[in-house]
Every structure is written in structure tokens, then in C-alpha cells.
Amino acid sequence: MPIERSCRTRTNAESYVRKVDDLCSEYGVTVPGVSADGTSHDLNLTVQLRPFVEIFESGLRLATDTSLEAGVGDAAVAAHQADSESTAATNGAAAASHPATTAPATATSK
């Protein structure tokens, strides 16, 4: 398994992470090198960014679908769409880290 994938959290993992964070705080459990405050802040940031991730993913799907319908850069767009769908299916919200700035290949004259 590539390191990039193994570092992403599962879809809807926030409730579990929150529960673990609460239990660690309640029982004074610490992990060397891991800040409990940092973990809480990261979790809160993830929850706050979710609406933006959903908007950007929706925009990417619209642009990709439009490009495919227009026949512009079919191979590059299809490959990017397949990669995006695979990533989204694997870990949902973690797809936010997927670069949304990748432009489809430009059309060439036939």
C-alpha cells in the first residue's frame, strides 16, 4: 500500500477520532510525539473544510463531465476522473488533498 494512501483517514472517521480524543483526554492517555491539542485542532479543521471539499469535488465533476462530452482531451480527462473516483470511493473526505489544479490535456486539431 502506498504511503500516501495509508496516511489518509477513512470516510466519516471523525466521530471515531473524536471519541478516541475524548477517551484519551478523560483517562490521561498520551502518545509520545503527538499533541492532543493538535489532534483536536486537526479534527475541527477537517470538519470545517468539508463543505469546501464537497463544492470543489462537485465543480471538478462538472468540468470533467463537460470536457468528456465535448471530446476535449478524452484520455487525460478520463484517467483523471477514474483516479478521482477511486480516491473518493476509498476515503471520501480525504480526496480534498487531491490536486484540483490539474488541467485536462488541450485539444489538438484532427
Protein backbone atom coordinates (compact mmCIF):
# COMPACT_ATOMS: atom_id res chain seq x y z
CA MET A 1 0.00 0.00 0.00
CA PRO A 2 1.49 3.39 -0.96
CA ILE A 3 2.33 5.65 1.94
CA GLU A 4 0.11 8.40 0.53
CA ARG A 5 -3.00 6.23 0.91
CA SER A 6 -2.10 4.78 4.28
CA CYS A 7 -1.92 8.29 5.78
CA ARG A 8 -5.50 9.18 4.88
CA THR A 9 -8.40 8.61 7.20
CA ARG A 10 -11.47 6.61 6.33
CA THR A 11 -14.69 8.22 5.24
CA ASN A 12 -16.74 9.52 8.18
CA ALA A 13 -13.97 8.69 10.65
CA GLU A 14 -14.45 11.97 12.51
CA SER A 15 -16.86 10.51 15.06
CA TYR A 16 -14.38 7.75 15.92
CA VAL A 17 -11.44 10.12 16.11
CA ARG A 18 -13.47 12.46 18.32
CA LYS A 19 -14.38 9.56 20.65
CA VAL A 20 -10.73 8.42 20.87
CA ASP A 21 -9.67 12.01 21.56
CA ASP A 22 -12.29 12.31 24.32
CA LEU A 23 -11.24 8.99 25.89
CA CYS A 24 -7.55 9.93 25.79
CA SER A 25 -8.34 13.23 27.49
CA GLU A 26 -10.58 11.57 30.07
CA TYR A 27 -8.06 8.88 31.03
CA GLY A 28 -4.86 10.88 30.52
CA VAL A 29 -3.53 8.69 27.72
CA THR A 30 -0.70 10.26 25.75
CA VAL A 31 1.26 9.22 22.70
CA PRO A 32 4.89 10.37 22.53
CA GLY A 33 5.32 12.97 19.80
CA VAL A 34 1.58 13.52 19.31
CA SER A 35 -0.12 16.61 20.69
CA ALA A 36 -3.67 16.08 21.94
CA ASP A 37 -4.46 19.73 21.19
CA GLY A 38 -3.03 19.36 17.70
CA THR A 39 -5.19 16.33 17.04
CA SER A 40 -8.31 18.17 18.21
CA HIS A 41 -7.48 21.19 16.05
CA ASP A 42 -6.86 18.97 13.00
CA LEU A 43 -10.20 17.24 13.52
CA ASN A 44 -12.04 20.56 13.85
CA LEU A 45 -10.31 21.88 10.71
CA THR A 46 -11.31 18.78 8.76
CA VAL A 47 -14.95 19.22 9.77
CA GLN A 48 -14.90 22.94 8.90
CA LEU A 49 -13.33 22.32 5.46
CA ARG A 50 -15.79 19.57 4.44
CA PRO A 51 -18.29 21.95 2.74
CA PHE A 52 -15.49 23.44 0.62
CA VAL A 53 -14.21 19.99 -0.34
CA GLU A 54 -17.70 18.99 -1.46
CA ILE A 55 -18.06 22.16 -3.57
CA PHE A 56 -14.66 21.68 -5.23
CA GLU A 57 -15.34 18.00 -5.93
CA SER A 58 -18.69 18.93 -7.46
CA GLY A 59 -17.02 21.57 -9.66
CA LEU A 60 -14.34 19.10 -10.74
CA ARG A 61 -17.01 16.53 -11.69
CA LEU A 62 -18.90 19.16 -13.69
CA ALA A 63 -15.76 20.30 -15.54
CA THR A 64 -14.67 16.73 -16.19
CA ASP A 65 -18.09 15.66 -17.46
CA THR A 66 -18.30 18.72 -19.70
CA SER A 67 -14.83 18.06 -21.12
CA LEU A 68 -15.70 14.43 -21.79
CA GLU A 69 -18.94 15.41 -23.54
CA ALA A 70 -17.05 17.93 -25.67
CA GLY A 71 -14.42 15.34 -26.56
CA VAL A 72 -11.57 17.51 -25.27
CA GLY A 73 -8.60 15.51 -24.02
CA ASP A 74 -10.66 12.35 -23.58
CA ALA A 75 -7.81 10.11 -22.42
CA ALA A 76 -6.33 12.56 -19.90
CA VAL A 77 -9.72 13.62 -18.54
CA ALA A 78 -10.95 10.02 -18.28
CA ALA A 79 -7.77 8.98 -16.46
CA HIS A 80 -8.09 11.90 -14.05
CA GLN A 81 -11.79 11.16 -13.48
CA ALA A 82 -11.09 7.49 -12.78
CA ASP A 83 -8.34 8.43 -10.33
CA SER A 84 -10.61 10.95 -8.58
CA GLU A 85 -13.48 8.49 -8.30
CA SER A 86 -11.16 5.78 -7.00
CA THR A 87 -9.73 8.13 -4.39
CA ALA A 88 -13.17 9.41 -3.37
CA ALA A 89 -14.54 5.89 -3.09
CA THR A 90 -11.58 4.82 -0.99
CA ASN A 91 -11.57 7.64 1.52
CA GLY A 92 -14.21 10.28 0.80
CA ALA A 93 -13.21 13.50 2.53
CA ALA A 94 -9.57 12.77 2.09
CA ALA A 95 -9.96 13.46 -1.56
CA ALA A 96 -9.54 17.06 -0.58
CA SER A 97 -5.84 16.63 -0.73
CA HIS A 98 -6.17 15.51 -4.35
CA PRO A 99 -4.83 18.35 -6.56
CA ALA A 100 -7.75 20.12 -8.18
CA THR A 101 -5.46 22.28 -10.32
CA THR A 102 -4.60 19.54 -12.80
CA ALA A 103 -5.81 20.80 -16.16
CA PRO A 104 -7.12 18.43 -18.82
CA ALA A 105 -4.96 17.95 -21.90
CA THR A 106 -5.54 20.56 -24.56
CA ALA A 107 -7.32 19.59 -27.75
CA THR A 108 -5.26 19.08 -30.89
CA SER A 109 -6.51 19.53 -34.40
CA LYS A 110 -7.51 16.31 -36.15
